[in-house]
């Protein structure tokens, strides 16, 4: 499938932002004009617990550009006017990096049947307006259109007593469960990035969540 122009739909007014948030669906290389905005957004949102990511713009731009190289990749943008305030991404697992494919291959899963969710990030003032649900729905719709039967994503695991864990932190497990996803802790991978306050990158453990589409 080749890249196509994004579709824009109005969302409910966000009382925090005071403006109409729109959702724009973009495929493949058509994300080009938004790469710099997405790089900054990822760094901003992923600084928070549990990722604590001390990001780098050059790395982020390269990451997004490589992701868009798949003709079947998807970007679901949340836009407040011209401002990108959220994004969710997805790509066939067969087009993902080895660190994401290997756990499924080792467990005997057919990666060609799986659609992988790369991230779902949204500025805090735009949460609670249904955008997270929309992000999942658009990616699942895309997976079905590609003929893929399973959706998957992974999440970082942090210690309960992690020193940077906020006292009011609530994990997203309940939200994911409501969307029909189930934790598969036997499917695990490791990635390296530099945490806030670290001098260099360190390995992080992540486990996967799965849903079989009806």
C-alpha atoms as a PDB file:
ATOM      1  CA  UNK A   1       0.000   0.000   0.000  1.00  0.00           C
ATOM      2  CA  UNK A   2       1.345   3.407  -0.909  1.00  0.00           C
ATOM      3  CA  UNK A   3       1.225   6.486   1.272  1.00  0.00           C
ATOM      4  CA  UNK A   4      -1.867   8.681   0.983  1.00  0.00           C
ATOM      5  CA  UNK A   5      -3.004  12.076   2.154  1.00  0.00           C
ATOM      6  CA  UNK A   6      -4.211  12.259   5.726  1.00  0.00           C
ATOM      7  CA  UNK A   7      -7.889  12.466   6.659  1.00  0.00           C
ATOM      8  CA  UNK A   8      -8.908  15.096   9.209  1.00  0.00           C
ATOM      9  CA  UNK A   9     -11.865  14.775  11.592  1.00  0.00           C
ATOM     10  CA  UNK A  10     -12.969  17.292  14.230  1.00  0.00           C
ATOM     11  CA  UNK A  11     -12.945  16.192  17.865  1.00  0.00           C
ATOM     12  CA  UNK A  12     -14.858  17.526  20.841  1.00  0.00           C
ATOM     13  CA  UNK A  13     -13.622  20.874  22.145  1.00  0.00           C
ATOM     14  CA  UNK A  14     -10.969  20.435  24.800  1.00  0.00           C
ATOM     15  CA  UNK A  15     -11.838  22.657  27.763  1.00  0.00           C
ATOM     16  CA  UNK A  16      -8.217  22.785  28.907  1.00  0.00           C
ATOM     17  CA  UNK A  17      -6.898  23.881  25.554  1.00  0.00           C
ATOM     18  CA  UNK A  18      -9.868  26.002  24.532  1.00  0.00           C
ATOM     19  CA  UNK A  19      -9.695  24.862  20.909  1.00  0.00           C
ATOM     20  CA  UNK A  20     -10.992  22.121  18.656  1.00  0.00           C
ATOM     21  CA  UNK A  21      -8.698  19.109  18.474  1.00  0.00           C
ATOM     22  CA  UNK A  22      -8.627  17.301  15.147  1.00  0.00           C
ATOM     23  CA  UNK A  23      -7.406  13.813  14.294  1.00  0.00           C
ATOM     24  CA  UNK A  24      -5.388  13.355  11.117  1.00  0.00           C
ATOM     25  CA  UNK A  25      -4.495   9.905   9.775  1.00  0.00           C
ATOM     26  CA  UNK A  26      -1.294   9.728   7.700  1.00  0.00           C
ATOM     27  CA  UNK A  27       0.410   6.756   6.073  1.00  0.00           C
ATOM     28  CA  UNK A  28       4.052   6.087   5.325  1.00  0.00           C
ATOM     29  CA  UNK A  29       6.315   8.809   3.980  1.00  0.00           C
ATOM     30  CA  UNK A  30       3.494  11.398   3.970  1.00  0.00           C
ATOM     31  CA  UNK A  31       4.466  12.095   7.590  1.00  0.00           C
ATOM     32  CA  UNK A  32       7.522  14.021   6.345  1.00  0.00           C
ATOM     33  CA  UNK A  33       6.258  17.561   7.104  1.00  0.00           C
ATOM     34  CA  UNK A  34       5.549  16.580  10.718  1.00  0.00           C
ATOM     35  CA  UNK A  35       8.783  14.768  11.600  1.00  0.00           C
ATOM     36  CA  UNK A  36      10.349  17.641  13.571  1.00  0.00           C
ATOM     37  CA  UNK A  37       7.124  18.238  15.524  1.00  0.00           C
ATOM     38  CA  UNK A  38       6.805  14.549  16.383  1.00  0.00           C
ATOM     39  CA  UNK A  39      10.420  14.388  17.509  1.00  0.00           C
ATOM     40  CA  UNK A  40       9.872  17.232  19.970  1.00  0.00           C
ATOM     41  CA  UNK A  41       6.578  15.743  21.151  1.00  0.00           C
ATOM     42  CA  UNK A  42       8.079  12.324  21.861  1.00  0.00           C
ATOM     43  CA  UNK A  43      10.915  13.847  23.873  1.00  0.00           C
ATOM     44  CA  UNK A  44       8.488  15.983  25.876  1.00  0.00           C
ATOM     45  CA  UNK A  45       6.004  13.233  26.766  1.00  0.00           C
ATOM     46  CA  UNK A  46       8.505  10.416  27.293  1.00  0.00           C
ATOM     47  CA  UNK A  47      10.409  12.472  29.911  1.00  0.00           C
ATOM     48  CA  UNK A  48       7.650  11.557  32.353  1.00  0.00           C
ATOM     49  CA  UNK A  49       7.542   8.358  34.404  1.00  0.00           C
ATOM     50  CA  UNK A  50       7.722   5.481  33.566  1.00  0.00           C
ATOM     51  CA  UNK A  51       9.949   6.153  30.526  1.00  0.00           C
ATOM     52  CA  UNK A  52      12.071   8.997  31.964  1.00  0.00           C
ATOM     53  CA  UNK A  53      13.611   9.386  28.515  1.00  0.00           C
ATOM     54  CA  UNK A  54      16.381  11.962  28.128  1.00  0.00           C
ATOM     55  CA  UNK A  55      15.852  12.338  24.391  1.00  0.00           C
ATOM     56  CA  UNK A  56      17.871  13.565  21.443  1.00  0.00           C
ATOM     57  CA  UNK A  57      16.258  15.390  18.511  1.00  0.00           C
ATOM     58  CA  UNK A  58      18.566  13.971  15.859  1.00  0.00           C
ATOM     59  CA  UNK A  59      17.897  10.415  17.037  1.00  0.00           C
ATOM     60  CA  UNK A  60      14.160  11.092  17.123  1.00  0.00           C
ATOM     61  CA  UNK A  61      14.040  12.492  13.608  1.00  0.00           C
ATOM     62  CA  UNK A  62      15.961   9.478  12.326  1.00  0.00           C
ATOM     63  CA  UNK A  63      13.691   7.076  14.236  1.00  0.00           C
ATOM     64  CA  UNK A  64      10.505   8.593  12.794  1.00  0.00           C
ATOM     65  CA  UNK A  65      11.946   8.732   9.272  1.00  0.00           C
ATOM     66  CA  UNK A  66      12.920   5.054   9.440  1.00  0.00           C
ATOM     67  CA  UNK A  67       9.489   4.164  10.791  1.00  0.00           C
ATOM     68  CA  UNK A  68       7.800   5.940   7.907  1.00  0.00           C
ATOM     69  CA  UNK A  69       9.874   3.950   5.392  1.00  0.00           C
ATOM     70  CA  UNK A  70       7.327   1.142   5.708  1.00  0.00           C
ATOM     71  CA  UNK A  71       4.577   1.742   3.149  1.00  0.00           C
ATOM     72  CA  UNK A  72       2.118   0.235   5.636  1.00  0.00           C
ATOM     73  CA  UNK A  73       3.074   2.376   8.629  1.00  0.00           C
ATOM     74  CA  UNK A  74       0.428   4.584  10.210  1.00  0.00           C
ATOM     75  CA  UNK A  75       0.571   7.888  12.091  1.00  0.00           C
ATOM     76  CA  UNK A  76      -2.528   9.162  13.886  1.00  0.00           C
ATOM     77  CA  UNK A  77      -2.011  12.821  14.771  1.00  0.00           C
ATOM     78  CA  UNK A  78      -3.947  14.961  17.245  1.00  0.00           C
ATOM     79  CA  UNK A  79      -3.826  18.596  16.130  1.00  0.00           C
ATOM     80  CA  UNK A  80      -4.812  21.744  18.014  1.00  0.00           C
ATOM     81  CA  UNK A  81      -4.849  24.094  15.064  1.00  0.00           C
ATOM     82  CA  UNK A  82      -1.379  23.727  13.538  1.00  0.00           C
ATOM     83  CA  UNK A  83       0.124  22.315  16.742  1.00  0.00           C
ATOM     84  CA  UNK A  84       0.772  18.579  17.067  1.00  0.00           C
ATOM     85  CA  UNK A  85      -0.352  17.642  20.588  1.00  0.00           C
ATOM     86  CA  UNK A  86      -0.435  13.853  20.269  1.00  0.00           C
ATOM     87  CA  UNK A  87       0.467  10.947  18.024  1.00  0.00           C
ATOM     88  CA  UNK A  88      -0.058   7.211  17.848  1.00  0.00           C
ATOM     89  CA  UNK A  89       1.921   5.036  15.452  1.00  0.00           C
ATOM     90  CA  UNK A  90       1.780   1.530  14.087  1.00  0.00           C
ATOM     91  CA  UNK A  91       3.517  -0.711  11.582  1.00  0.00           C
ATOM     92  CA  UNK A  92       3.343  -4.382  10.566  1.00  0.00           C
ATOM     93  CA  UNK A  93       5.548  -6.275  12.996  1.00  0.00           C
ATOM     94  CA  UNK A  94       7.372  -7.806  10.029  1.00  0.00           C
ATOM     95  CA  UNK A  95       8.678  -4.286   9.271  1.00  0.00           C
ATOM     96  CA  UNK A  96       9.783  -3.564  12.854  1.00  0.00           C
ATOM     97  CA  UNK A  97      13.244  -3.816  14.411  1.00  0.00           C
ATOM     98  CA  UNK A  98      14.624  -7.155  15.509  1.00  0.00           C
ATOM     99  CA  UNK A  99      14.212  -6.323  19.211  1.00  0.00           C
ATOM    100  CA  UNK A 100      10.433  -6.289  18.742  1.00  0.00           C
ATOM    101  CA  UNK A 101      10.159  -9.231  16.342  1.00  0.00           C
ATOM    102  CA  UNK A 102      12.455 -11.678  18.124  1.00  0.00           C
ATOM    103  CA  UNK A 103      10.252 -12.379  21.205  1.00  0.00           C
ATOM    104  CA  UNK A 104       7.372 -13.374  18.922  1.00  0.00           C
ATOM    105  CA  UNK A 105       9.559 -15.459  16.631  1.00  0.00           C
ATOM    106  CA  UNK A 106      11.086 -17.272  19.597  1.00  0.00           C
ATOM    107  CA  UNK A 107       7.597 -18.040  20.934  1.00  0.00           C
ATOM    108  CA  UNK A 108       6.437 -19.410  17.570  1.00  0.00           C
ATOM    109  CA  UNK A 109       4.143 -16.507  16.596  1.00  0.00           C
ATOM    110  CA  UNK A 110       3.808 -15.604  12.924  1.00  0.00           C
ATOM    111  CA  UNK A 111       5.000 -11.997  12.766  1.00  0.00           C
ATOM    112  CA  UNK A 112       3.336 -11.499   9.389  1.00  0.00           C
ATOM    113  CA  UNK A 113      -0.060 -11.671  11.154  1.00  0.00           C
ATOM    114  CA  UNK A 114       0.704  -8.987  13.752  1.00  0.00           C
ATOM    115  CA  UNK A 115       0.377  -5.203  13.677  1.00  0.00           C
ATOM    116  CA  UNK A 116       2.669  -3.448  16.142  1.00  0.00           C
ATOM    117  CA  UNK A 117       1.823  -0.199  17.957  1.00  0.00           C
ATOM    118  CA  UNK A 118       4.946   1.913  18.268  1.00  0.00           C
ATOM    119  CA  UNK A 119       3.762   4.595  20.699  1.00  0.00           C
ATOM    120  CA  UNK A 120       0.772   6.592  21.853  1.00  0.00           C
ATOM    121  CA  UNK A 121       1.757   9.964  23.278  1.00  0.00           C
ATOM    122  CA  UNK A 122      -0.437  12.926  24.185  1.00  0.00           C
ATOM    123  CA  UNK A 123       0.287  16.150  26.040  1.00  0.00           C
ATOM    124  CA  UNK A 124      -1.203  15.976  29.534  1.00  0.00           C
ATOM    125  CA  UNK A 125      -3.631  18.881  29.068  1.00  0.00           C
ATOM    126  CA  UNK A 126      -5.341  17.038  26.198  1.00  0.00           C
ATOM    127  CA  UNK A 127      -5.970  13.782  28.050  1.00  0.00           C
ATOM    128  CA  UNK A 128      -9.394  12.615  29.156  1.00  0.00           C
ATOM    129  CA  UNK A 129     -11.082  13.743  25.914  1.00  0.00           C
ATOM    130  CA  UNK A 130     -11.316  10.369  24.163  1.00  0.00           C
ATOM    131  CA  UNK A 131      -8.199  10.783  22.045  1.00  0.00           C
ATOM    132  CA  UNK A 132      -6.500   7.720  23.545  1.00  0.00           C
ATOM    133  CA  UNK A 133      -9.475   5.562  22.574  1.00  0.00           C
ATOM    134  CA  UNK A 134      -9.426   7.071  19.087  1.00  0.00           C
ATOM    135  CA  UNK A 135      -5.714   6.320  18.753  1.00  0.00           C
ATOM    136  CA  UNK A 136      -6.355   2.635  19.399  1.00  0.00           C
ATOM    137  CA  UNK A 137      -9.421   2.501  17.140  1.00  0.00           C
ATOM    138  CA  UNK A 138      -7.640   4.041  14.138  1.00  0.00           C
ATOM    139  CA  UNK A 139      -4.680   1.668  14.407  1.00  0.00           C
ATOM    140  CA  UNK A 140      -6.929  -1.353  14.777  1.00  0.00           C
ATOM    141  CA  UNK A 141      -8.920  -0.216  11.745  1.00  0.00           C
ATOM    142  CA  UNK A 142      -5.690   0.011   9.771  1.00  0.00           C
ATOM    143  CA  UNK A 143      -4.573  -3.446  10.935  1.00  0.00           C
ATOM    144  CA  UNK A 144      -7.862  -4.957   9.758  1.00  0.00           C
ATOM    145  CA  UNK A 145      -7.518  -3.217   6.393  1.00  0.00           C
ATOM    146  CA  UNK A 146      -4.102  -4.861   6.033  1.00  0.00           C
ATOM    147  CA  UNK A 147      -5.613  -8.258   6.858  1.00  0.00           C
ATOM    148  CA  UNK A 148      -3.718  -8.581  10.144  1.00  0.00           C
ATOM    149  CA  UNK A 149      -5.415 -10.412  13.021  1.00  0.00           C
ATOM    150  CA  UNK A 150      -3.386  -9.431  16.102  1.00  0.00           C
ATOM    151  CA  UNK A 151      -2.340  -6.056  17.529  1.00  0.00           C
ATOM    152  CA  UNK A 152       0.539  -5.774  19.986  1.00  0.00           C
ATOM    153  CA  UNK A 153       2.576  -3.214  21.865  1.00  0.00           C
ATOM    154  CA  UNK A 154       5.114  -3.239  24.672  1.00  0.00           C
ATOM    155  CA  UNK A 155       5.505  -1.206  27.847  1.00  0.00           C
ATOM    156  CA  UNK A 156       8.492  -0.529  30.052  1.00  0.00           C
ATOM    157  CA  UNK A 157       8.611  -2.148  33.486  1.00  0.00           C
ATOM    158  CA  UNK A 158       9.801  -0.115  36.468  1.00  0.00           C
ATOM    159  CA  UNK A 159      10.298  -1.072  40.103  1.00  0.00           C
ATOM    160  CA  UNK A 160       7.461  -0.257  42.496  1.00  0.00           C
ATOM    161  CA  UNK A 161       9.939   1.659  44.654  1.00  0.00           C
ATOM    162  CA  UNK A 162      11.632   3.514  41.796  1.00  0.00           C
ATOM    163  CA  UNK A 163      12.881   6.848  43.197  1.00  0.00           C
ATOM    164  CA  UNK A 164      11.282   8.853  40.362  1.00  0.00           C
ATOM    165  CA  UNK A 165       7.882   7.142  40.606  1.00  0.00           C
ATOM    166  CA  UNK A 166       5.275   9.869  41.361  1.00  0.00           C
ATOM    167  CA  UNK A 167       3.092   9.224  44.396  1.00  0.00           C
ATOM    168  CA  UNK A 168      -0.032   9.713  42.254  1.00  0.00           C
ATOM    169  CA  UNK A 169       1.164   7.567  39.346  1.00  0.00           C
ATOM    170  CA  UNK A 170      -1.530   5.292  37.892  1.00  0.00           C
ATOM    171  CA  UNK A 171      -0.390   2.740  35.257  1.00  0.00           C
ATOM    172  CA  UNK A 172      -2.406   2.387  32.066  1.00  0.00           C
ATOM    173  CA  UNK A 173      -3.095  -1.323  32.564  1.00  0.00           C
ATOM    174  CA  UNK A 174      -6.786  -0.707  33.273  1.00  0.00           C
ATOM    175  CA  UNK A 175      -7.219   1.407  30.136  1.00  0.00           C
ATOM    176  CA  UNK A 176      -5.507  -1.235  28.009  1.00  0.00           C
ATOM    177  CA  UNK A 177      -7.708  -3.952  29.519  1.00  0.00           C
ATOM    178  CA  UNK A 178     -10.825  -1.994  28.576  1.00  0.00           C
ATOM    179  CA  UNK A 179      -9.559  -1.846  25.010  1.00  0.00           C
ATOM    180  CA  UNK A 180      -9.374  -5.659  24.983  1.00  0.00           C
ATOM    181  CA  UNK A 181      -5.604  -6.043  25.424  1.00  0.00           C
ATOM    182  CA  UNK A 182      -4.094  -8.686  27.676  1.00  0.00           C
ATOM    183  CA  UNK A 183      -0.653  -8.757  29.225  1.00  0.00           C
ATOM    184  CA  UNK A 184       1.689 -11.446  27.870  1.00  0.00           C
ATOM    185  CA  UNK A 185       4.585 -11.228  30.354  1.00  0.00           C
ATOM    186  CA  UNK A 186       6.306 -14.214  28.755  1.00  0.00           C
ATOM    187  CA  UNK A 187       6.945 -12.020  25.698  1.00  0.00           C
ATOM    188  CA  UNK A 188       9.756  -9.693  26.687  1.00  0.00           C
ATOM    189  CA  UNK A 189      12.451  -7.547  25.156  1.00  0.00           C
ATOM    190  CA  UNK A 190      15.136  -5.095  26.219  1.00  0.00           C
ATOM    191  CA  UNK A 191      15.939  -1.646  24.873  1.00  0.00           C
ATOM    192  CA  UNK A 192      18.587   0.899  25.801  1.00  0.00           C
ATOM    193  CA  UNK A 193      18.055   4.590  26.355  1.00  0.00           C
ATOM    194  CA  UNK A 194      19.383   7.304  28.636  1.00  0.00           C
ATOM    195  CA  UNK A 195      17.201   8.040  31.624  1.00  0.00           C
ATOM    196  CA  UNK A 196      16.926  11.534  33.060  1.00  0.00           C
ATOM    197  CA  UNK A 197      19.849  11.849  35.459  1.00  0.00           C
ATOM    198  CA  UNK A 198      21.883   9.029  33.885  1.00  0.00           C
ATOM    199  CA  UNK A 199      25.296   9.644  32.362  1.00  0.00           C
ATOM    200  CA  UNK A 200      24.848   6.964  29.694  1.00  0.00           C
ATOM    201  CA  UNK A 201      22.274   4.570  28.281  1.00  0.00           C
ATOM    202  CA  UNK A 202      21.116   1.561  30.285  1.00  0.00           C
ATOM    203  CA  UNK A 203      19.060  -1.512  29.425  1.00  0.00           C
ATOM    204  CA  UNK A 204      15.337  -1.420  30.196  1.00  0.00           C
ATOM    205  CA  UNK A 205      12.995  -4.412  30.306  1.00  0.00           C
ATOM    206  CA  UNK A 206       9.688  -4.262  28.440  1.00  0.00           C
ATOM    207  CA  UNK A 207       6.837  -6.756  28.141  1.00  0.00           C
ATOM    208  CA  UNK A 208       4.076  -7.047  25.550  1.00  0.00           C
ATOM    209  CA  UNK A 209       0.302  -6.672  25.460  1.00  0.00           C
ATOM    210  CA  UNK A 210      -1.827  -8.374  22.781  1.00  0.00           C
ATOM    211  CA  UNK A 211      -5.313  -8.328  21.320  1.00  0.00           C
ATOM    212  CA  UNK A 212      -6.792 -10.634  18.719  1.00  0.00           C
ATOM    213  CA  UNK A 213      -9.112  -8.617  16.473  1.00  0.00           C
ATOM    214  CA  UNK A 214     -12.644  -9.867  15.892  1.00  0.00           C
END
